[in-house]
Amino acid sequence: MMTLETHLEGIVPALDRATVALVRQSARITASDEGAIREGFAECADARVSAEWLEELVLQSYLFAGFPRALNAAREWRRSAAAGSDVSSAGADTSVGGLPPGESYAAVHDWRERGEVTCATVYGDSYAPLRRNIRALHDALDDWMVVEGYGKVLSRPGLDLKRRELCIVAACAAAGQDRQLHSHLRGALNAGASPVEVRAALDALAGVVHPELLERAIMLWARVAGK
C-alpha cells in the first residue's frame, strides 16, 4: 500500500506534508469508497492537516464530486472528529447554514462579486470566453457557477485559493474529467501554484487515483506546462 510517507520522499519540499494529504483526500472523496475516505481522514490527522482546511475540502467537494459523495465525506469527517482525532475542532467557526460567521443568504450580491473575482483569477484570459460559453449552454448554469460555485463556496475563508485549486485538480483527475482538469491545471497556476507544485500534486495521487487516469492527467499536464 502506498503511504503518505512514500509520496513525501519525492514531493517535499515542493509541497508540505499537510497539502499532500489534503489533495490525496480530495481524490478519495471524489472516487473512492467510504472505507478509503475514512483512511484518508486518518492520514490527514497524522499529517496534522488543520480542521479548517478539511472542513472546506468537504464543503467544496459537492461542486466536483456531487452532493451524495459530499454527504458521505461529511459523515466520515464528523466520525473522525467525534473519535477524538487531531481534527476534533471541525466546524467550530461556522454559523447557521454552514456559512462563515456574520454571513447569510442575504449576501448573494456579495457572493456574485466575490465569485466574479475568484473565477476571473482562476481562468485568467479565458474568463470572458468561459462566461460566454457557459451562458450559451444555459443562463442558469452561468449564474450558479459564479454565485454558488466561485462566490459562495470557493471564495470562503479557511482555505487559500491555491490549495483549493490543487484539490480541484485532484478531484478532476480522480473523476477522469479531462476538460475540467485542463482548466484547473491552468487555474492552479493562475492561483499562485508553481509548475513544480502542480506536478507534485499529481504525483501525490499515486495509489489513490486509478493508474490509467493518473497517467492521463500527467500527460495532460505535460501539454499544459509545455505551452
C-alpha atoms as a PDB file:
ATOM      1  CA  MET A   1       0.000   0.000   0.000  1.00  0.00           C
ATOM      2  CA  MET A   2       1.295   3.441  -0.962  1.00  0.00           C
ATOM      3  CA  THR A   3       1.541   5.587   2.147  1.00  0.00           C
ATOM      4  CA  LEU A   4       1.819   9.301   2.674  1.00  0.00           C
ATOM      5  CA  GLU A   5       5.457   8.882   3.689  1.00  0.00           C
ATOM      6  CA  THR A   6       6.183   7.147   0.363  1.00  0.00           C
ATOM      7  CA  HIS A   7       4.987  10.211  -1.522  1.00  0.00           C
ATOM      8  CA  LEU A   8       6.754  12.696   0.701  1.00  0.00           C
ATOM      9  CA  GLU A   9      10.133  11.300  -0.339  1.00  0.00           C
ATOM     10  CA  GLY A  10       9.786  12.711  -3.841  1.00  0.00           C
ATOM     11  CA  ILE A  11       7.402  15.602  -3.285  1.00  0.00           C
ATOM     12  CA  VAL A  12       8.914  17.530  -0.384  1.00  0.00           C
ATOM     13  CA  PRO A  13       9.890  20.344  -0.460  1.00  0.00           C
ATOM     14  CA  ALA A  14       7.590  21.142  -3.395  1.00  0.00           C
ATOM     15  CA  LEU A  15       4.514  20.639  -1.197  1.00  0.00           C
ATOM     16  CA  ASP A  16       4.223  20.478   2.566  1.00  0.00           C
ATOM     17  CA  ARG A  17       3.049  17.279   4.234  1.00  0.00           C
ATOM     18  CA  ALA A  18      -0.403  18.628   5.075  1.00  0.00           C
ATOM     19  CA  THR A  19      -1.074  19.756   1.499  1.00  0.00           C
ATOM     20  CA  VAL A  20      -0.048  16.359   0.128  1.00  0.00           C
ATOM     21  CA  ALA A  21      -2.536  14.663   2.469  1.00  0.00           C
ATOM     22  CA  LEU A  22      -5.232  17.192   1.573  1.00  0.00           C
ATOM     23  CA  VAL A  23      -5.012  16.694  -2.201  1.00  0.00           C
ATOM     24  CA  ARG A  24      -4.987  12.908  -1.755  1.00  0.00           C
ATOM     25  CA  GLN A  25      -8.136  13.156   0.330  1.00  0.00           C
ATOM     26  CA  SER A  26      -9.794  15.293  -2.339  1.00  0.00           C
ATOM     27  CA  ALA A  27      -9.265  12.478  -4.836  1.00  0.00           C
ATOM     28  CA  ARG A  28     -10.619   9.882  -2.398  1.00  0.00           C
ATOM     29  CA  ILE A  29     -13.786  11.873  -1.725  1.00  0.00           C
ATOM     30  CA  THR A  30     -14.390  12.089  -5.467  1.00  0.00           C
ATOM     31  CA  ALA A  31     -13.842   8.491  -6.488  1.00  0.00           C
ATOM     32  CA  SER A  32     -13.190   6.137  -3.544  1.00  0.00           C
ATOM     33  CA  ASP A  33     -15.430   4.185  -1.194  1.00  0.00           C
ATOM     34  CA  GLU A  34     -16.227   5.195   2.373  1.00  0.00           C
ATOM     35  CA  GLY A  35     -13.537   2.948   3.821  1.00  0.00           C
ATOM     36  CA  ALA A  36     -10.853   4.686   1.783  1.00  0.00           C
ATOM     37  CA  ILE A  37     -12.258   8.083   2.737  1.00  0.00           C
ATOM     38  CA  ARG A  38     -12.098   7.050   6.393  1.00  0.00           C
ATOM     39  CA  GLU A  39      -8.461   6.006   5.959  1.00  0.00           C
ATOM     40  CA  GLY A  40      -7.804   9.327   4.277  1.00  0.00           C
ATOM     41  CA  PHE A  41      -9.056  11.289   7.256  1.00  0.00           C
ATOM     42  CA  ALA A  42      -6.721   9.249   9.461  1.00  0.00           C
ATOM     43  CA  GLU A  43      -3.878  10.089   7.077  1.00  0.00           C
ATOM     44  CA  CYS A  44      -4.828  13.759   7.296  1.00  0.00           C
ATOM     45  CA  ALA A  45      -4.840  13.619  11.093  1.00  0.00           C
ATOM     46  CA  ASP A  46      -1.382  12.031  11.044  1.00  0.00           C
ATOM     47  CA  ALA A  47      -0.189  14.825   8.727  1.00  0.00           C
ATOM     48  CA  ARG A  48      -1.791  17.378  11.063  1.00  0.00           C
ATOM     49  CA  VAL A  49      -3.988  18.876   8.373  1.00  0.00           C
ATOM     50  CA  SER A  50      -5.943  21.669  10.014  1.00  0.00           C
ATOM     51  CA  ALA A  51      -9.608  21.125  10.795  1.00  0.00           C
ATOM     52  CA  GLU A  52     -10.436  24.287   8.875  1.00  0.00           C
ATOM     53  CA  TRP A  53      -8.805  23.022   5.683  1.00  0.00           C
ATOM     54  CA  LEU A  54     -10.604  19.698   5.907  1.00  0.00           C
ATOM     55  CA  GLU A  55     -13.918  21.374   6.617  1.00  0.00           C
ATOM     56  CA  GLU A  56     -13.507  23.473   3.478  1.00  0.00           C
ATOM     57  CA  LEU A  57     -12.424  20.476   1.396  1.00  0.00           C
ATOM     58  CA  VAL A  58     -15.551  18.558   2.364  1.00  0.00           C
ATOM     59  CA  LEU A  59     -17.782  21.538   1.633  1.00  0.00           C
ATOM     60  CA  GLN A  60     -16.284  22.278  -1.772  1.00  0.00           C
ATOM     61  CA  SER A  61     -16.427  18.613  -2.782  1.00  0.00           C
ATOM     62  CA  TYR A  62     -20.120  18.863  -3.628  1.00  0.00           C
ATOM     63  CA  LEU A  63     -19.203  21.072  -6.594  1.00  0.00           C
ATOM     64  CA  PHE A  64     -16.894  18.459  -8.122  1.00  0.00           C
ATOM     65  CA  ALA A  65     -17.908  15.104  -6.643  1.00  0.00           C
ATOM     66  CA  GLY A  66     -21.662  15.659  -6.279  1.00  0.00           C
ATOM     67  CA  PHE A  67     -23.884  16.043  -3.243  1.00  0.00           C
ATOM     68  CA  PRO A  68     -24.145  12.318  -2.341  1.00  0.00           C
ATOM     69  CA  ARG A  69     -20.362  11.952  -2.119  1.00  0.00           C
ATOM     70  CA  ALA A  70     -20.082  15.224  -0.216  1.00  0.00           C
ATOM     71  CA  LEU A  71     -22.585  13.907   2.329  1.00  0.00           C
ATOM     72  CA  ASN A  72     -20.665  10.634   2.668  1.00  0.00           C
ATOM     73  CA  ALA A  73     -17.431  12.560   3.186  1.00  0.00           C
ATOM     74  CA  ALA A  74     -19.073  14.839   5.751  1.00  0.00           C
ATOM     75  CA  ARG A  75     -20.338  11.802   7.652  1.00  0.00           C
ATOM     76  CA  GLU A  76     -16.865  10.234   7.793  1.00  0.00           C
ATOM     77  CA  TRP A  77     -15.363  13.600   8.687  1.00  0.00           C
ATOM     78  CA  ARG A  78     -17.706  14.017  11.633  1.00  0.00           C
ATOM     79  CA  ARG A  79     -16.971  10.468  12.797  1.00  0.00           C
ATOM     80  CA  SER A  80     -13.235  11.127  12.699  1.00  0.00           C
ATOM     81  CA  ALA A  81     -13.747  14.291  14.734  1.00  0.00           C
ATOM     82  CA  ALA A  82     -16.001  12.524  17.241  1.00  0.00           C
ATOM     83  CA  ALA A  83     -13.336   9.843  17.693  1.00  0.00           C
ATOM     84  CA  GLY A  84     -11.082  12.486  19.226  1.00  0.00           C
ATOM     85  CA  SER A  85      -8.506  12.831  16.464  1.00  0.00           C
ATOM     86  CA  ASP A  86      -6.391  15.915  15.856  1.00  0.00           C
ATOM     87  CA  VAL A  87      -9.183  17.322  13.696  1.00  0.00           C
ATOM     88  CA  SER A  88     -11.763  17.419  16.505  1.00  0.00           C
ATOM     89  CA  SER A  89     -12.276  21.179  16.289  1.00  0.00           C
ATOM     90  CA  ALA A  90     -14.052  20.827  12.949  1.00  0.00           C
ATOM     91  CA  GLY A  91     -16.965  23.122  12.397  1.00  0.00           C
ATOM     92  CA  ALA A  92     -16.334  25.295  15.422  1.00  0.00           C
ATOM     93  CA  ASP A  93     -16.180  28.508  13.415  1.00  0.00           C
ATOM     94  CA  THR A  94     -19.221  28.120  11.180  1.00  0.00           C
ATOM     95  CA  SER A  95     -22.636  29.620  11.847  1.00  0.00           C
ATOM     96  CA  VAL A  96     -26.169  28.615  10.938  1.00  0.00           C
ATOM     97  CA  GLY A  97     -26.356  27.136   7.451  1.00  0.00           C
ATOM     98  CA  GLY A  98     -22.641  26.372   7.238  1.00  0.00           C
ATOM     99  CA  LEU A  99     -21.830  29.960   6.271  1.00  0.00           C
ATOM    100  CA  PRO A 100     -18.927  31.951   7.684  1.00  0.00           C
ATOM    101  CA  PRO A 101     -19.773  33.914  10.847  1.00  0.00           C
ATOM    102  CA  GLY A 102     -21.828  37.009  10.137  1.00  0.00           C
ATOM    103  CA  GLU A 103     -22.834  35.876   6.642  1.00  0.00           C
ATOM    104  CA  SER A 104     -26.299  34.832   5.471  1.00  0.00           C
ATOM    105  CA  TYR A 105     -28.067  34.052   2.226  1.00  0.00           C
ATOM    106  CA  ALA A 106     -28.847  37.765   2.032  1.00  0.00           C
ATOM    107  CA  ALA A 107     -25.209  38.105   0.950  1.00  0.00           C
ATOM    108  CA  VAL A 108     -25.966  36.798  -2.540  1.00  0.00           C
ATOM    109  CA  HIS A 109     -24.830  40.052  -4.166  1.00  0.00           C
ATOM    110  CA  ASP A 110     -21.510  39.808  -2.330  1.00  0.00           C
ATOM    111  CA  TRP A 111     -21.181  36.199  -3.471  1.00  0.00           C
ATOM    112  CA  ARG A 112     -21.650  37.325  -7.056  1.00  0.00           C
ATOM    113  CA  GLU A 113     -18.950  39.980  -6.733  1.00  0.00           C
ATOM    114  CA  ARG A 114     -16.533  37.625  -4.986  1.00  0.00           C
ATOM    115  CA  GLY A 115     -17.371  34.873  -7.447  1.00  0.00           C
ATOM    116  CA  GLU A 116     -16.572  37.038 -10.429  1.00  0.00           C
ATOM    117  CA  VAL A 117     -13.206  37.968  -8.925  1.00  0.00           C
ATOM    118  CA  THR A 118     -12.310  34.390  -7.976  1.00  0.00           C
ATOM    119  CA  CYS A 119     -13.457  32.931 -11.291  1.00  0.00           C
ATOM    120  CA  ALA A 120     -11.519  35.593 -13.200  1.00  0.00           C
ATOM    121  CA  THR A 121      -8.419  34.768 -11.151  1.00  0.00           C
ATOM    122  CA  VAL A 122      -8.710  31.056 -11.930  1.00  0.00           C
ATOM    123  CA  TYR A 123      -9.437  31.450 -15.644  1.00  0.00           C
ATOM    124  CA  GLY A 124      -7.300  34.484 -16.443  1.00  0.00           C
ATOM    125  CA  ASP A 125      -7.535  35.417 -20.127  1.00  0.00           C
ATOM    126  CA  SER A 126     -10.090  32.641 -20.649  1.00  0.00           C
ATOM    127  CA  TYR A 127     -12.596  34.181 -18.212  1.00  0.00           C
ATOM    128  CA  ALA A 128     -14.678  36.149 -20.740  1.00  0.00           C
ATOM    129  CA  PRO A 129     -14.869  33.247 -23.247  1.00  0.00           C
ATOM    130  CA  LEU A 130     -15.788  30.905 -20.380  1.00  0.00           C
ATOM    131  CA  ARG A 131     -18.714  33.104 -19.355  1.00  0.00           C
ATOM    132  CA  ARG A 132     -19.943  33.288 -22.955  1.00  0.00           C
ATOM    133  CA  ASN A 133     -19.661  29.534 -23.412  1.00  0.00           C
ATOM    134  CA  ILE A 134     -21.497  28.715 -20.190  1.00  0.00           C
ATOM    135  CA  ARG A 135     -24.266  31.232 -20.939  1.00  0.00           C
ATOM    136  CA  ALA A 136     -24.663  29.584 -24.342  1.00  0.00           C
ATOM    137  CA  LEU A 137     -25.363  26.315 -22.535  1.00  0.00           C
ATOM    138  CA  HIS A 138     -27.824  27.907 -20.086  1.00  0.00           C
ATOM    139  CA  ASP A 139     -28.057  31.241 -18.302  1.00  0.00           C
ATOM    140  CA  ALA A 140     -28.814  29.455 -15.028  1.00  0.00           C
ATOM    141  CA  LEU A 141     -25.596  27.431 -15.229  1.00  0.00           C
ATOM    142  CA  ASP A 142     -23.578  30.615 -15.662  1.00  0.00           C
ATOM    143  CA  ASP A 143     -25.295  32.173 -12.653  1.00  0.00           C
ATOM    144  CA  TRP A 144     -24.835  29.099 -10.479  1.00  0.00           C
ATOM    145  CA  MET A 145     -21.178  28.770 -11.482  1.00  0.00           C
ATOM    146  CA  VAL A 146     -20.357  32.335 -10.446  1.00  0.00           C
ATOM    147  CA  VAL A 147     -22.654  32.867  -7.450  1.00  0.00           C
ATOM    148  CA  GLU A 148     -22.859  29.377  -5.992  1.00  0.00           C
ATOM    149  CA  GLY A 149     -19.563  27.846  -7.060  1.00  0.00           C
ATOM    150  CA  TYR A 150     -16.972  30.585  -7.130  1.00  0.00           C
ATOM    151  CA  GLY A 151     -18.766  33.027  -4.823  1.00  0.00           C
ATOM    152  CA  LYS A 152     -20.486  31.135  -2.029  1.00  0.00           C
ATOM    153  CA  VAL A 153     -18.133  28.143  -1.896  1.00  0.00           C
ATOM    154  CA  LEU A 154     -14.693  28.750  -3.400  1.00  0.00           C
ATOM    155  CA  SER A 155     -14.371  32.294  -2.033  1.00  0.00           C
ATOM    156  CA  ARG A 156     -14.958  31.170   1.548  1.00  0.00           C
ATOM    157  CA  PRO A 157     -12.209  31.922   4.054  1.00  0.00           C
ATOM    158  CA  GLY A 158     -10.472  28.971   5.636  1.00  0.00           C
ATOM    159  CA  LEU A 159      -8.560  27.553   2.673  1.00  0.00           C
ATOM    160  CA  ASP A 160      -6.477  29.588   0.247  1.00  0.00           C
ATOM    161  CA  LEU A 161      -7.304  29.543  -3.457  1.00  0.00           C
ATOM    162  CA  LYS A 162      -4.039  27.852  -4.447  1.00  0.00           C
ATOM    163  CA  ARG A 163      -4.749  24.821  -2.269  1.00  0.00           C
ATOM    164  CA  ARG A 164      -8.393  24.806  -3.346  1.00  0.00           C
ATOM    165  CA  GLU A 165      -7.269  24.598  -6.965  1.00  0.00           C
ATOM    166  CA  LEU A 166      -4.772  21.816  -6.252  1.00  0.00           C
ATOM    167  CA  CYS A 167      -7.603  19.892  -4.574  1.00  0.00           C
ATOM    168  CA  ILE A 168      -9.837  20.512  -7.593  1.00  0.00           C
ATOM    169  CA  VAL A 169      -7.067  19.206  -9.850  1.00  0.00           C
ATOM    170  CA  ALA A 170      -7.005  16.040  -7.723  1.00  0.00           C
ATOM    171  CA  ALA A 171     -10.794  15.692  -7.913  1.00  0.00           C
ATOM    172  CA  CYS A 172     -10.896  16.135 -11.690  1.00  0.00           C
ATOM    173  CA  ALA A 173      -8.055  13.650 -12.167  1.00  0.00           C
ATOM    174  CA  ALA A 174      -9.802  11.067  -9.979  1.00  0.00           C
ATOM    175  CA  ALA A 175     -13.063  11.518 -11.887  1.00  0.00           C
ATOM    176  CA  GLY A 176     -11.422  11.368 -15.313  1.00  0.00           C
ATOM    177  CA  GLN A 177     -12.866  14.772 -16.202  1.00  0.00           C
ATOM    178  CA  ASP A 178     -10.187  15.872 -18.643  1.00  0.00           C
ATOM    179  CA  ARG A 179     -11.860  19.040 -19.907  1.00  0.00           C
ATOM    180  CA  GLN A 180     -12.284  20.410 -16.386  1.00  0.00           C
ATOM    181  CA  LEU A 181      -8.852  19.101 -15.392  1.00  0.00           C
ATOM    182  CA  HIS A 182      -7.256  21.100 -18.198  1.00  0.00           C
ATOM    183  CA  SER A 183      -8.979  24.267 -16.957  1.00  0.00           C
ATOM    184  CA  HIS A 184      -7.983  23.727 -13.335  1.00  0.00           C
ATOM    185  CA  LEU A 185      -4.382  22.783 -14.084  1.00  0.00           C
ATOM    186  CA  ARG A 186      -4.139  26.243 -15.598  1.00  0.00           C
ATOM    187  CA  GLY A 187      -6.276  27.581 -12.761  1.00  0.00           C
ATOM    188  CA  ALA A 188      -3.845  26.286 -10.152  1.00  0.00           C
ATOM    189  CA  LEU A 189      -1.057  28.187 -11.884  1.00  0.00           C
ATOM    190  CA  ASN A 190      -3.208  31.307 -12.063  1.00  0.00           C
ATOM    191  CA  ALA A 191      -3.983  30.948  -8.353  1.00  0.00           C
ATOM    192  CA  GLY A 192      -0.298  31.036  -7.468  1.00  0.00           C
ATOM    193  CA  ALA A 193       0.922  27.434  -7.638  1.00  0.00           C
ATOM    194  CA  SER A 194       4.275  26.875  -9.296  1.00  0.00           C
ATOM    195  CA  PRO A 195       4.623  24.265 -12.065  1.00  0.00           C
ATOM    196  CA  VAL A 196       6.630  22.131  -9.626  1.00  0.00           C
ATOM    197  CA  GLU A 197       3.793  22.287  -7.079  1.00  0.00           C
ATOM    198  CA  VAL A 198       1.171  21.305  -9.661  1.00  0.00           C
ATOM    199  CA  ARG A 199       3.213  18.305 -10.784  1.00  0.00           C
ATOM    200  CA  ALA A 200       3.830  17.362  -7.143  1.00  0.00           C
ATOM    201  CA  ALA A 201       0.075  17.405  -6.502  1.00  0.00           C
ATOM    202  CA  LEU A 202      -0.404  14.944  -9.361  1.00  0.00           C
ATOM    203  CA  ASP A 203       2.464  12.756  -8.147  1.00  0.00           C
ATOM    204  CA  ALA A 204       0.824  12.670  -4.712  1.00  0.00           C
ATOM    205  CA  LEU A 205      -2.171  10.872  -6.217  1.00  0.00           C
ATOM    206  CA  ALA A 206      -0.311   7.615  -6.919  1.00  0.00           C
ATOM    207  CA  GLY A 207      -2.023   4.813  -5.048  1.00  0.00           C
ATOM    208  CA  VAL A 208      -5.224   6.852  -4.742  1.00  0.00           C
ATOM    209  CA  VAL A 209      -6.249   7.564  -8.351  1.00  0.00           C
ATOM    210  CA  HIS A 210      -6.576   4.735 -10.884  1.00  0.00           C
ATOM    211  CA  PRO A 211      -3.203   4.382 -12.671  1.00  0.00           C
ATOM    212  CA  GLU A 212      -4.661   4.917 -16.150  1.00  0.00           C
ATOM    213  CA  LEU A 213      -6.465   8.069 -15.052  1.00  0.00           C
ATOM    214  CA  LEU A 214      -3.349   9.364 -13.327  1.00  0.00           C
ATOM    215  CA  GLU A 215      -1.201   8.710 -16.387  1.00  0.00           C
ATOM    216  CA  ARG A 216      -3.758  10.580 -18.491  1.00  0.00           C
ATOM    217  CA  ALA A 217      -3.700  13.509 -16.057  1.00  0.00           C
ATOM    218  CA  ILE A 218       0.104  13.672 -16.106  1.00  0.00           C
ATOM    219  CA  MET A 219       0.128  13.635 -19.912  1.00  0.00           C
ATOM    220  CA  LEU A 220      -2.418  16.454 -19.948  1.00  0.00           C
ATOM    221  CA  TRP A 221      -0.274  18.419 -17.505  1.00  0.00           C
ATOM    222  CA  ALA A 222       2.739  17.962 -19.791  1.00  0.00           C
ATOM    223  CA  ARG A 223       0.777  19.612 -22.596  1.00  0.00           C
ATOM    224  CA  VAL A 224      -0.370  22.468 -20.345  1.00  0.00           C
ATOM    225  CA  ALA A 225       3.119  23.023 -18.928  1.00  0.00           C
ATOM    226  CA  GLY A 226       4.650  22.956 -22.399  1.00  0.00           C
ATOM    227  CA  LYS A 227       2.555  25.846 -23.706  1.00  0.00           C
END
